[in-house]
Amino acid sequence: MPQPTAIVAKTMLHHWEEPPISGTAAAGGAGAVFFAGCPLHCLFCQNAAISQQKPPVGEAVSPERLCEIFWELHAQGAHNIDLVTPGQYLPAVRRAAALAKAGGFPLPLLWNSSGYESAKAIQTLDGLMDIYLPDLKYADDALALRYSAAPNYFAVATAAIAEMHRQVGNPQLGAGGLLQRGLLIRHMVLPGCRRDSMRVLDWIAQNLPGAWVSLLAQYTPLHRAKEVPQLNRRLTQFEYQSVVEHFFAIGLKNGYMQECAAASAKYVPVF
């Protein structure tokens, strides 16, 4: 049987994730491993240079080499291993994670994904991932299909996220306020979609008590967003603030908010 491989597009110490992931000092950072490709085809993808290319751009690595990369990032001062869009390489990533755990790897392993993956696939990671950082992009499947070419997105993503929560629970912080274990859900508010964002938060409040949410205001019209009039602008302060107010109104308490000034391409990694 051929050995599974993963295509790695970039590795780096990433300082622009949430504070409990990247840390707050200049040193350290998330030990990001960016994988090529993505199950979604978002018109506004900020990582399109690596997520949308065919054939995928990057270096094909074995599970053993991927495990070595984890250790290299650890030696550079990473706070964790931030696996960015790893789902399409599940066998190789799972094997690398198992090797790392068996070898006494000391940092948390973090699954950073679009959320658009099967719950059965996530079940196979039980005991291997310490932190899950999924997106929950849409409640409206019509929006998901139009903007991300993702049929049945909401049912698929919520089932996967529920399984993630079953495995690791709500966030647990360690020394320096760094995340050691748990689920942190990301949601980026899109222009013209604040009502859909509220529906996303409603599901979280109703189904995952005590969940933490990272509510993003950083939307920037990148990639093909300029082809869609509704997407070809930044978020207004009113749109984002109304979603923040809904967050608190429905009883959510824990999470991270952004200033609208975060909507800048300068935070996109150079691939």
C-alpha atoms as a PDB file:
ATOM      1  CA  MET A   1       0.000   0.000   0.000  1.00  0.00           C
ATOM      2  CA  PRO A   2       1.446   3.443  -0.911  1.00  0.00           C
ATOM      3  CA  GLN A   3       2.498   5.587   2.023  1.00  0.00           C
ATOM      4  CA  PRO A   4       0.205   8.571   2.618  1.00  0.00           C
ATOM      5  CA  THR A   5       1.648  11.995   1.982  1.00  0.00           C
ATOM      6  CA  ALA A   6       0.609  15.582   2.659  1.00  0.00           C
ATOM      7  CA  ILE A   7       1.437  18.654   0.586  1.00  0.00           C
ATOM      8  CA  VAL A   8       2.866  21.402   2.788  1.00  0.00           C
ATOM      9  CA  ALA A   9       2.766  24.879   1.260  1.00  0.00           C
ATOM     10  CA  LYS A  10       4.396  26.854   4.077  1.00  0.00           C
ATOM     11  CA  THR A  11       5.531  26.613   7.682  1.00  0.00           C
ATOM     12  CA  MET A  12       6.049  29.608   9.952  1.00  0.00           C
ATOM     13  CA  LEU A  13       5.659  31.073  13.405  1.00  0.00           C
ATOM     14  CA  HIS A  14       2.263  32.725  13.047  1.00  0.00           C
ATOM     15  CA  HIS A  15       1.598  35.775  15.234  1.00  0.00           C
ATOM     16  CA  TRP A  16      -1.874  36.673  13.938  1.00  0.00           C
ATOM     17  CA  GLU A  17      -4.045  33.913  15.356  1.00  0.00           C
ATOM     18  CA  GLU A  18      -6.160  34.473  18.483  1.00  0.00           C
ATOM     19  CA  PRO A  19      -4.124  35.549  21.571  1.00  0.00           C
ATOM     20  CA  PRO A  20      -4.318  32.170  23.384  1.00  0.00           C
ATOM     21  CA  ILE A  21      -2.956  30.503  20.244  1.00  0.00           C
ATOM     22  CA  SER A  22      -0.279  32.904  19.017  1.00  0.00           C
ATOM     23  CA  GLY A  23       0.517  34.403  22.404  1.00  0.00           C
ATOM     24  CA  THR A  24       0.895  38.105  23.010  1.00  0.00           C
ATOM     25  CA  ALA A  25       4.676  38.540  22.992  1.00  0.00           C
ATOM     26  CA  ALA A  26       6.908  39.061  19.988  1.00  0.00           C
ATOM     27  CA  ALA A  27       8.560  35.704  20.678  1.00  0.00           C
ATOM     28  CA  GLY A  28       6.846  32.403  20.082  1.00  0.00           C
ATOM     29  CA  GLY A  29       3.722  32.240  17.948  1.00  0.00           C
ATOM     30  CA  ALA A  30       1.635  29.411  16.599  1.00  0.00           C
ATOM     31  CA  GLY A  31       3.696  26.809  14.782  1.00  0.00           C
ATOM     32  CA  ALA A  32       1.672  27.005  11.580  1.00  0.00           C
ATOM     33  CA  VAL A  33       1.781  24.275   8.964  1.00  0.00           C
ATOM     34  CA  PHE A  34      -0.205  25.466   5.926  1.00  0.00           C
ATOM     35  CA  PHE A  35      -1.397  22.617   3.724  1.00  0.00           C
ATOM     36  CA  ALA A  36      -2.169  23.026   0.029  1.00  0.00           C
ATOM     37  CA  GLY A  37      -5.759  22.803  -1.143  1.00  0.00           C
ATOM     38  CA  CYS A  38      -9.089  23.158   0.648  1.00  0.00           C
ATOM     39  CA  PRO A  39     -12.492  21.414   0.527  1.00  0.00           C
ATOM     40  CA  LEU A  40     -14.144  24.822   0.077  1.00  0.00           C
ATOM     41  CA  HIS A  41     -13.851  27.237  -2.837  1.00  0.00           C
ATOM     42  CA  CYS A  42     -14.601  30.523  -1.101  1.00  0.00           C
ATOM     43  CA  LEU A  43     -14.811  33.470  -3.468  1.00  0.00           C
ATOM     44  CA  PHE A  44     -13.155  35.618  -0.782  1.00  0.00           C
ATOM     45  CA  CYS A  45     -10.397  33.208   0.276  1.00  0.00           C
ATOM     46  CA  GLN A  46      -7.368  35.019   1.725  1.00  0.00           C
ATOM     47  CA  ASN A  47      -5.181  31.957   1.184  1.00  0.00           C
ATOM     48  CA  ALA A  48      -6.176  31.405  -2.436  1.00  0.00           C
ATOM     49  CA  ALA A  49      -2.525  31.300  -3.514  1.00  0.00           C
ATOM     50  CA  ILE A  50      -2.257  27.892  -1.860  1.00  0.00           C
ATOM     51  CA  SER A  51      -5.855  26.749  -1.369  1.00  0.00           C
ATOM     52  CA  GLN A  52      -7.188  27.088  -4.919  1.00  0.00           C
ATOM     53  CA  GLN A  53      -4.224  26.066  -7.062  1.00  0.00           C
ATOM     54  CA  LYS A  54      -4.354  22.946  -9.243  1.00  0.00           C
ATOM     55  CA  PRO A  55      -2.176  21.008  -9.100  1.00  0.00           C
ATOM     56  CA  PRO A  56      -1.495  21.856  -5.450  1.00  0.00           C
ATOM     57  CA  VAL A  57       1.590  23.985  -4.787  1.00  0.00           C
ATOM     58  CA  GLY A  58       3.981  22.817  -2.104  1.00  0.00           C
ATOM     59  CA  GLU A  59       6.199  19.970  -0.959  1.00  0.00           C
ATOM     60  CA  ALA A  60       4.874  16.436  -0.637  1.00  0.00           C
ATOM     61  CA  VAL A  61       6.003  15.060   2.720  1.00  0.00           C
ATOM     62  CA  SER A  62       5.671  11.729   4.467  1.00  0.00           C
ATOM     63  CA  PRO A  63       4.116  11.407   7.927  1.00  0.00           C
ATOM     64  CA  GLU A  64       7.611  10.959   9.333  1.00  0.00           C
ATOM     65  CA  ARG A  65       8.841  14.175   7.723  1.00  0.00           C
ATOM     66  CA  LEU A  66       5.719  15.998   8.881  1.00  0.00           C
ATOM     67  CA  CYS A  67       6.426  14.884  12.436  1.00  0.00           C
ATOM     68  CA  GLU A  68       9.977  16.241  12.050  1.00  0.00           C
ATOM     69  CA  ILE A  69       8.490  19.592  10.996  1.00  0.00           C
ATOM     70  CA  PHE A  70       6.522  19.652  14.253  1.00  0.00           C
ATOM     71  CA  TRP A  71       9.751  19.269  16.208  1.00  0.00           C
ATOM     72  CA  GLU A  72      11.479  21.949  14.099  1.00  0.00           C
ATOM     73  CA  LEU A  73       8.708  24.435  14.888  1.00  0.00           C
ATOM     74  CA  HIS A  74       8.969  23.490  18.555  1.00  0.00           C
ATOM     75  CA  ALA A  75      12.693  24.287  18.439  1.00  0.00           C
ATOM     76  CA  GLN A  76      11.887  27.706  16.946  1.00  0.00           C
ATOM     77  CA  GLY A  77       9.724  28.553  19.967  1.00  0.00           C
ATOM     78  CA  ALA A  78       6.205  27.659  18.779  1.00  0.00           C
ATOM     79  CA  HIS A  79       3.453  27.508  21.401  1.00  0.00           C
ATOM     80  CA  ASN A  80       1.587  24.769  19.524  1.00  0.00           C
ATOM     81  CA  ILE A  81       1.373  23.067  16.142  1.00  0.00           C
ATOM     82  CA  ASP A  82      -1.284  24.861  14.104  1.00  0.00           C
ATOM     83  CA  LEU A  83      -2.391  22.514  11.303  1.00  0.00           C
ATOM     84  CA  VAL A  84      -4.084  24.809   8.773  1.00  0.00           C
ATOM     85  CA  THR A  85      -6.583  23.132   6.415  1.00  0.00           C
ATOM     86  CA  PRO A  86      -5.289  19.594   7.019  1.00  0.00           C
ATOM     87  CA  GLY A  87      -8.461  17.621   6.251  1.00  0.00           C
ATOM     88  CA  GLN A  88      -7.646  16.600   2.679  1.00  0.00           C
ATOM     89  CA  TYR A  89      -4.521  14.859   3.982  1.00  0.00           C
ATOM     90  CA  LEU A  90      -6.161  13.107   6.903  1.00  0.00           C
ATOM     91  CA  PRO A  91      -4.259   9.756   6.736  1.00  0.00           C
ATOM     92  CA  ALA A  92      -0.831  11.418   6.632  1.00  0.00           C
ATOM     93  CA  VAL A  93      -1.657  14.037   9.266  1.00  0.00           C
ATOM     94  CA  ARG A  94      -3.201  11.451  11.570  1.00  0.00           C
ATOM     95  CA  ARG A  95      -0.108   9.256  11.263  1.00  0.00           C
ATOM     96  CA  ALA A  96       2.219  12.215  11.938  1.00  0.00           C
ATOM     97  CA  ALA A  97       0.173  13.180  14.998  1.00  0.00           C
ATOM     98  CA  ALA A  98       0.330   9.607  16.305  1.00  0.00           C
ATOM     99  CA  LEU A  99       4.117   9.550  15.824  1.00  0.00           C
ATOM    100  CA  ALA A 100       4.441  12.868  17.651  1.00  0.00           C
ATOM    101  CA  LYS A 101       2.320  11.707  20.571  1.00  0.00           C
ATOM    102  CA  ALA A 102       4.215   8.418  20.818  1.00  0.00           C
ATOM    103  CA  GLY A 103       7.498  10.358  20.812  1.00  0.00           C
ATOM    104  CA  GLY A 104       6.483  12.568  23.728  1.00  0.00           C
ATOM    105  CA  PHE A 105       5.862  15.736  21.724  1.00  0.00           C
ATOM    106  CA  PRO A 106       5.254  18.451  24.346  1.00  0.00           C
ATOM    107  CA  LEU A 107       3.103  20.965  22.463  1.00  0.00           C
ATOM    108  CA  PRO A 108      -0.649  20.912  21.792  1.00  0.00           C
ATOM    109  CA  LEU A 109      -1.678  19.792  18.316  1.00  0.00           C
ATOM    110  CA  LEU A 110      -4.298  22.091  16.800  1.00  0.00           C
ATOM    111  CA  TRP A 111      -6.716  21.210  13.961  1.00  0.00           C
ATOM    112  CA  ASN A 112      -7.487  24.500  12.144  1.00  0.00           C
ATOM    113  CA  SER A 113     -10.142  23.888   9.500  1.00  0.00           C
ATOM    114  CA  SER A 114     -13.105  25.169   7.511  1.00  0.00           C
ATOM    115  CA  GLY A 115     -15.430  22.912   9.503  1.00  0.00           C
ATOM    116  CA  TYR A 116     -16.596  21.343   6.238  1.00  0.00           C
ATOM    117  CA  GLU A 117     -15.516  17.775   6.982  1.00  0.00           C
ATOM    118  CA  SER A 118     -17.322  14.637   8.036  1.00  0.00           C
ATOM    119  CA  ALA A 119     -17.920  13.824  11.683  1.00  0.00           C
ATOM    120  CA  LYS A 120     -16.653  10.298  10.955  1.00  0.00           C
ATOM    121  CA  ALA A 121     -13.325  11.720   9.799  1.00  0.00           C
ATOM    122  CA  ILE A 122     -13.055  13.808  12.972  1.00  0.00           C
ATOM    123  CA  GLN A 123     -13.804  10.714  15.071  1.00  0.00           C
ATOM    124  CA  THR A 124     -10.569   9.161  13.808  1.00  0.00           C
ATOM    125  CA  LEU A 125      -8.610  12.004  15.442  1.00  0.00           C
ATOM    126  CA  ASP A 126      -9.907  11.298  18.939  1.00  0.00           C
ATOM    127  CA  GLY A 127      -6.950  11.343  21.322  1.00  0.00           C
ATOM    128  CA  LEU A 128      -4.602  12.893  18.764  1.00  0.00           C
ATOM    129  CA  MET A 129      -5.772  16.521  18.621  1.00  0.00           C
ATOM    130  CA  ASP A 130      -5.689  18.738  21.690  1.00  0.00           C
ATOM    131  CA  ILE A 131      -7.331  21.816  20.185  1.00  0.00           C
ATOM    132  CA  TYR A 132      -9.910  22.276  17.447  1.00  0.00           C
ATOM    133  CA  LEU A 133     -10.213  25.647  15.693  1.00  0.00           C
ATOM    134  CA  PRO A 134     -12.973  25.208  13.075  1.00  0.00           C
ATOM    135  CA  ASP A 135     -14.867  27.813  11.137  1.00  0.00           C
ATOM    136  CA  LEU A 136     -18.629  27.838  11.251  1.00  0.00           C
ATOM    137  CA  LYS A 137     -19.110  30.037   8.219  1.00  0.00           C
ATOM    138  CA  TYR A 138     -22.808  29.873   7.384  1.00  0.00           C
ATOM    139  CA  ALA A 139     -26.208  28.824   8.686  1.00  0.00           C
ATOM    140  CA  ASP A 140     -27.799  29.417   5.274  1.00  0.00           C
ATOM    141  CA  ASP A 141     -26.906  26.640   2.830  1.00  0.00           C
ATOM    142  CA  ALA A 142     -27.760  28.888  -0.115  1.00  0.00           C
ATOM    143  CA  LEU A 143     -25.031  31.316   0.960  1.00  0.00           C
ATOM    144  CA  ALA A 144     -22.594  28.442   1.469  1.00  0.00           C
ATOM    145  CA  LEU A 145     -23.260  27.155  -2.024  1.00  0.00           C
ATOM    146  CA  ARG A 146     -23.068  30.604  -3.628  1.00  0.00           C
ATOM    147  CA  TYR A 147     -19.946  31.855  -1.890  1.00  0.00           C
ATOM    148  CA  SER A 148     -18.024  28.664  -1.062  1.00  0.00           C
ATOM    149  CA  ALA A 149     -19.362  25.947  -3.421  1.00  0.00           C
ATOM    150  CA  ALA A 150     -20.240  23.901  -0.331  1.00  0.00           C
ATOM    151  CA  PRO A 151     -23.555  22.013  -0.545  1.00  0.00           C
ATOM    152  CA  ASN A 152     -25.231  21.074   2.746  1.00  0.00           C
ATOM    153  CA  TYR A 153     -22.598  23.069   4.614  1.00  0.00           C
ATOM    154  CA  PHE A 154     -24.465  23.725   7.846  1.00  0.00           C
ATOM    155  CA  ALA A 155     -25.436  20.114   8.601  1.00  0.00           C
ATOM    156  CA  VAL A 156     -21.959  18.837   7.734  1.00  0.00           C
ATOM    157  CA  ALA A 157     -20.079  21.486   9.702  1.00  0.00           C
ATOM    158  CA  THR A 158     -22.271  21.390  12.806  1.00  0.00           C
ATOM    159  CA  ALA A 159     -22.001  17.593  13.013  1.00  0.00           C
ATOM    160  CA  ALA A 160     -18.203  17.831  12.750  1.00  0.00           C
ATOM    161  CA  ILE A 161     -18.015  20.622  15.340  1.00  0.00           C
ATOM    162  CA  ALA A 162     -20.233  18.709  17.761  1.00  0.00           C
ATOM    163  CA  GLU A 163     -17.810  15.774  17.510  1.00  0.00           C
ATOM    164  CA  MET A 164     -14.848  18.077  18.088  1.00  0.00           C
ATOM    165  CA  HIS A 165     -16.521  19.397  21.223  1.00  0.00           C
ATOM    166  CA  ARG A 166     -17.230  15.868  22.436  1.00  0.00           C
ATOM    167  CA  GLN A 167     -13.529  15.076  22.220  1.00  0.00           C
ATOM    168  CA  VAL A 168     -11.946  18.141  23.817  1.00  0.00           C
ATOM    169  CA  GLY A 169     -14.698  20.196  25.478  1.00  0.00           C
ATOM    170  CA  ASN A 170     -14.480  23.922  26.170  1.00  0.00           C
ATOM    171  CA  PRO A 171     -11.114  25.733  26.213  1.00  0.00           C
ATOM    172  CA  GLN A 172      -8.584  25.136  28.970  1.00  0.00           C
ATOM    173  CA  LEU A 173      -5.865  27.765  29.342  1.00  0.00           C
ATOM    174  CA  GLY A 174      -2.407  27.128  30.721  1.00  0.00           C
ATOM    175  CA  ALA A 175       0.614  29.233  31.609  1.00  0.00           C
ATOM    176  CA  GLY A 176       0.624  32.665  30.009  1.00  0.00           C
ATOM    177  CA  GLY A 177      -3.022  32.293  29.000  1.00  0.00           C
ATOM    178  CA  LEU A 178      -2.137  29.893  26.190  1.00  0.00           C
ATOM    179  CA  LEU A 179      -4.741  27.420  25.010  1.00  0.00           C
ATOM    180  CA  GLN A 180      -3.844  23.859  25.963  1.00  0.00           C
ATOM    181  CA  ARG A 181      -7.014  21.987  25.072  1.00  0.00           C
ATOM    182  CA  GLY A 182     -10.535  22.621  23.843  1.00  0.00           C
ATOM    183  CA  LEU A 183     -12.731  23.898  21.045  1.00  0.00           C
ATOM    184  CA  LEU A 184     -12.681  27.497  19.796  1.00  0.00           C
ATOM    185  CA  ILE A 185     -15.151  28.248  16.983  1.00  0.00           C
ATOM    186  CA  ARG A 186     -14.387  30.950  14.444  1.00  0.00           C
ATOM    187  CA  HIS A 187     -17.005  32.915  12.593  1.00  0.00           C
ATOM    188  CA  MET A 188     -16.260  35.746  10.181  1.00  0.00           C
ATOM    189  CA  VAL A 189     -19.100  38.206   9.628  1.00  0.00           C
ATOM    190  CA  LEU A 190     -19.598  38.800   5.901  1.00  0.00           C
ATOM    191  CA  PRO A 191     -20.990  41.995   4.361  1.00  0.00           C
ATOM    192  CA  GLY A 192     -24.756  41.793   3.993  1.00  0.00           C
ATOM    193  CA  CYS A 193     -24.921  38.598   6.061  1.00  0.00           C
ATOM    194  CA  ARG A 194     -25.324  39.777   9.647  1.00  0.00           C
ATOM    195  CA  ARG A 195     -28.648  37.918  10.069  1.00  0.00           C
ATOM    196  CA  ASP A 196     -26.972  34.691   9.008  1.00  0.00           C
ATOM    197  CA  SER A 197     -24.190  35.354  11.512  1.00  0.00           C
ATOM    198  CA  MET A 198     -26.814  35.662  14.235  1.00  0.00           C
ATOM    199  CA  ARG A 199     -28.249  32.276  13.238  1.00  0.00           C
ATOM    200  CA  VAL A 200     -24.769  30.753  13.500  1.00  0.00           C
ATOM    201  CA  LEU A 201     -24.438  32.146  17.034  1.00  0.00           C
ATOM    202  CA  ASP A 202     -27.927  30.885  17.915  1.00  0.00           C
ATOM    203  CA  TRP A 203     -26.889  27.326  17.035  1.00  0.00           C
ATOM    204  CA  ILE A 204     -23.734  27.573  19.124  1.00  0.00           C
ATOM    205  CA  ALA A 205     -25.613  28.927  22.149  1.00  0.00           C
ATOM    206  CA  GLN A 206     -28.297  26.258  21.890  1.00  0.00           C
ATOM    207  CA  ASN A 207     -26.056  23.258  21.243  1.00  0.00           C
ATOM    208  CA  LEU A 208     -22.671  23.924  22.856  1.00  0.00           C
ATOM    209  CA  PRO A 209     -23.154  25.531  26.276  1.00  0.00           C
ATOM    210  CA  GLY A 210     -20.078  27.387  27.429  1.00  0.00           C
ATOM    211  CA  ALA A 211     -18.527  27.361  23.958  1.00  0.00           C
ATOM    212  CA  TRP A 212     -15.940  29.998  23.045  1.00  0.00           C
ATOM    213  CA  VAL A 213     -16.298  31.937  19.812  1.00  0.00           C
ATOM    214  CA  SER A 214     -13.840  34.066  17.871  1.00  0.00           C
ATOM    215  CA  LEU A 215     -16.021  36.615  16.089  1.00  0.00           C
ATOM    216  CA  LEU A 216     -14.053  38.055  13.189  1.00  0.00           C
ATOM    217  CA  ALA A 217     -14.444  41.498  11.638  1.00  0.00           C
ATOM    218  CA  GLN A 218     -11.467  41.057   9.314  1.00  0.00           C
ATOM    219  CA  TYR A 219     -13.328  40.400   6.062  1.00  0.00           C
ATOM    220  CA  THR A 220     -11.473  41.922   3.102  1.00  0.00           C
ATOM    221  CA  PRO A 221     -12.601  41.489  -0.539  1.00  0.00           C
ATOM    222  CA  LEU A 222      -9.815  39.250  -1.770  1.00  0.00           C
ATOM    223  CA  HIS A 223      -9.484  36.575  -4.476  1.00  0.00           C
ATOM    224  CA  ARG A 224     -12.708  36.639  -6.562  1.00  0.00           C
ATOM    225  CA  ALA A 225     -14.845  38.682  -4.154  1.00  0.00           C
ATOM    226  CA  LYS A 226     -14.788  41.688  -6.490  1.00  0.00           C
ATOM    227  CA  GLU A 227     -16.868  39.665  -8.951  1.00  0.00           C
ATOM    228  CA  VAL A 228     -19.807  39.731  -6.503  1.00  0.00           C
ATOM    229  CA  PRO A 229     -21.209  43.187  -5.698  1.00  0.00           C
ATOM    230  CA  GLN A 230     -22.395  42.177  -2.233  1.00  0.00           C
ATOM    231  CA  LEU A 231     -18.920  40.916  -1.314  1.00  0.00           C
ATOM    232  CA  ASN A 232     -16.979  43.751  -2.901  1.00  0.00           C
ATOM    233  CA  ARG A 233     -16.809  45.923   0.199  1.00  0.00           C
ATOM    234  CA  ARG A 234     -15.660  45.741   3.769  1.00  0.00           C
ATOM    235  CA  LEU A 235     -17.892  45.211   6.745  1.00  0.00           C
ATOM    236  CA  THR A 236     -19.595  48.218   8.300  1.00  0.00           C
ATOM    237  CA  GLN A 237     -19.274  48.982  11.988  1.00  0.00           C
ATOM    238  CA  PHE A 238     -23.050  48.573  12.318  1.00  0.00           C
ATOM    239  CA  GLU A 239     -23.015  45.095  10.787  1.00  0.00           C
ATOM    240  CA  TYR A 240     -20.302  43.817  13.064  1.00  0.00           C
ATOM    241  CA  GLN A 241     -21.542  45.543  16.210  1.00  0.00           C
ATOM    242  CA  SER A 242     -25.059  44.187  15.745  1.00  0.00           C
ATOM    243  CA  VAL A 243     -23.650  40.644  15.681  1.00  0.00           C
ATOM    244  CA  VAL A 244     -21.552  41.353  18.797  1.00  0.00           C
ATOM    245  CA  GLU A 245     -24.658  42.607  20.591  1.00  0.00           C
ATOM    246  CA  HIS A 246     -26.532  39.456  19.576  1.00  0.00           C
ATOM    247  CA  PHE A 247     -23.665  37.341  20.925  1.00  0.00           C
ATOM    248  CA  PHE A 248     -24.232  38.732  24.415  1.00  0.00           C
ATOM    249  CA  ALA A 249     -28.020  38.921  24.129  1.00  0.00           C
ATOM    250  CA  ILE A 250     -28.337  35.151  23.644  1.00  0.00           C
ATOM    251  CA  GLY A 251     -26.126  34.329  26.615  1.00  0.00           C
ATOM    252  CA  LEU A 252     -22.750  33.668  25.020  1.00  0.00           C
ATOM    253  CA  LYS A 253     -19.991  34.915  27.299  1.00  0.00           C
ATOM    254  CA  ASN A 254     -16.587  33.700  26.212  1.00  0.00           C
ATOM    255  CA  GLY A 255     -14.677  34.579  23.111  1.00  0.00           C
ATOM    256  CA  TYR A 256     -12.706  37.125  21.134  1.00  0.00           C
ATOM    257  CA  MET A 257     -13.808  40.195  19.210  1.00  0.00           C
ATOM    258  CA  GLN A 258     -11.936  42.266  16.642  1.00  0.00           C
ATOM    259  CA  GLU A 259     -11.722  45.909  15.759  1.00  0.00           C
ATOM    260  CA  CYS A 260     -12.953  46.600  12.237  1.00  0.00           C
ATOM    261  CA  ALA A 261      -9.450  47.943  11.550  1.00  0.00           C
ATOM    262  CA  ALA A 262      -8.390  44.264  11.396  1.00  0.00           C
ATOM    263  CA  ALA A 263      -9.859  44.192   7.880  1.00  0.00           C
ATOM    264  CA  SER A 264      -6.553  44.458   6.071  1.00  0.00           C
ATOM    265  CA  ALA A 265      -4.637  42.325   3.617  1.00  0.00           C
ATOM    266  CA  LYS A 266      -1.466  43.012   5.601  1.00  0.00           C
ATOM    267  CA  TYR A 267      -2.434  40.171   7.971  1.00  0.00           C
ATOM    268  CA  VAL A 268      -2.469  37.605   5.150  1.00  0.00           C
ATOM    269  CA  PRO A 269       0.669  35.415   5.177  1.00  0.00           C
ATOM    270  CA  VAL A 270       2.926  35.679   2.139  1.00  0.00           C
ATOM    271  CA  PHE A 271       2.940  32.324   0.384  1.00  0.00           C
END
